[in-house]
Protein backbone atom coordinates (compact mmCIF):
# COMPACT_ATOMS: atom_id res chain seq x y z
CA UNK A 1 148.57 71.97 40.49
CA UNK A 2 144.88 71.58 41.18
CA UNK A 3 143.07 68.20 40.73
CA UNK A 4 141.08 69.72 37.85
CA UNK A 5 144.33 70.91 36.22
CA UNK A 6 145.74 67.50 36.62
CA UNK A 7 142.72 65.97 34.92
CA UNK A 8 143.11 68.51 32.02
CA UNK A 9 146.64 67.55 31.55
CA UNK A 10 145.71 63.97 31.30
CA UNK A 11 142.72 64.77 28.91
CA UNK A 12 145.07 66.79 26.74
CA UNK A 13 147.60 63.91 26.52
CA UNK A 14 145.22 61.10 26.01
CA UNK A 15 141.89 62.35 24.54
CA UNK A 16 143.25 65.21 22.53
CA UNK A 17 146.69 63.55 21.90
CA UNK A 18 148.17 67.07 22.00
CA UNK A 19 151.94 67.46 21.71
CA UNK A 20 154.08 68.09 24.96
CA UNK A 21 154.58 71.65 23.78
CA UNK A 22 150.68 72.28 23.43
CA UNK A 23 150.05 70.44 26.85
CA UNK A 24 152.55 72.60 28.61
CA UNK A 25 151.20 75.90 27.06
CA UNK A 26 147.62 75.23 27.69
CA UNK A 27 148.39 74.16 31.44
CA UNK A 28 150.20 77.47 31.87
CA UNK A 29 147.44 79.55 30.64
CA UNK A 30 144.79 77.46 32.46
CA UNK A 31 146.73 77.86 35.61
CA UNK A 32 146.94 81.52 35.28
CA UNK A 33 143.18 81.65 34.84
CA UNK A 34 142.73 79.34 37.79
CA UNK A 35 144.74 81.65 39.87
CA UNK A 36 142.69 84.88 38.95
CA UNK A 37 139.47 83.06 39.65
CA UNK A 38 140.77 81.84 43.05
CA UNK A 39 141.64 85.42 43.91
CA UNK A 40 138.14 86.18 43.19
CA UNK A 41 136.80 83.38 45.29
CA UNK A 42 135.26 81.68 42.19
CA UNK A 43 135.55 77.98 41.67
CA UNK A 44 136.53 76.85 38.24
CA UNK A 45 133.39 74.51 38.12
CA UNK A 46 131.21 77.71 38.72
CA UNK A 47 132.84 80.19 36.36
CA UNK A 48 130.32 82.15 34.23
CA UNK A 49 130.87 83.74 30.85
CA UNK A 50 131.19 87.23 32.47
CA UNK A 51 133.99 85.94 34.59
CA UNK A 52 136.12 84.84 31.40
CA UNK A 53 135.27 88.25 29.78
CA UNK A 54 136.42 89.93 32.80
CA UNK A 55 139.61 87.82 32.84
CA UNK A 56 140.25 88.74 29.09
CA UNK A 57 139.80 92.45 29.82
CA UNK A 58 142.33 92.10 32.58
CA UNK A 59 144.83 90.58 30.16
CA UNK A 60 144.30 93.29 27.77
CA UNK A 61 144.74 96.10 30.49
CA UNK A 62 148.08 94.38 31.64
CA UNK A 63 149.29 94.97 28.17
CA UNK A 64 149.35 91.32 26.97
CA UNK A 65 149.69 90.67 23.38
CA UNK A 66 146.70 89.80 20.96
CA UNK A 67 148.46 86.53 20.57
CA UNK A 68 148.69 85.89 24.26
CA UNK A 69 145.11 86.78 24.64
CA UNK A 70 144.01 84.40 21.97
CA UNK A 71 145.94 81.53 23.32
CA UNK A 72 144.31 82.14 26.73
CA UNK A 73 140.91 81.95 25.21
CA UNK A 74 141.68 78.72 23.40
CA UNK A 75 143.17 77.16 26.52
CA UNK A 76 140.03 78.20 28.66
CA UNK A 77 137.82 76.87 25.98
CA UNK A 78 139.55 73.50 25.95
CA UNK A 79 139.64 73.44 29.62
CA UNK A 80 135.93 73.77 29.86
CA UNK A 81 135.29 71.24 26.98
CA UNK A 82 137.39 68.85 29.14
CA UNK A 83 135.25 69.37 32.18
CA UNK A 84 132.03 68.72 30.14
CA UNK A 85 133.52 65.64 28.53
CA UNK A 86 134.51 64.30 31.92
CA UNK A 87 131.06 65.03 33.43
CA UNK A 88 132.42 67.69 35.88
CA UNK A 89 130.38 70.44 34.34
CA UNK A 90 126.92 70.04 32.66
CA UNK A 91 127.38 72.66 29.91
CA UNK A 92 130.14 74.82 28.40
CA UNK A 93 130.04 78.58 28.67
CA UNK A 94 127.86 79.62 25.84
CA UNK A 95 127.93 82.27 23.17
CA UNK A 96 130.97 84.42 22.30
CA UNK A 97 134.19 83.41 23.97
CA UNK A 98 133.33 79.70 24.71
CA UNK A 99 131.47 77.85 22.10
């Protein structure tokens, strides 16, 4: 697990006070997103809205359910809110997928 995901896990546990099940689920989806971005040589701190949109389209093309896609989006949103709250990213991805 990357350092950013470790920070995200701690953030979910302490700041968000999420249940163990939610933490596990969000980490799984964030890890899958991280793997896809690394395959594209895209650092998580440099991801743009279009990268997230492309990823969502990939999930849909792979036949992932609407529920899985929705949970992935929620996890990615929370991950980037975490980075902003921790001062590791100046702004969240805006409009559309990430608010």
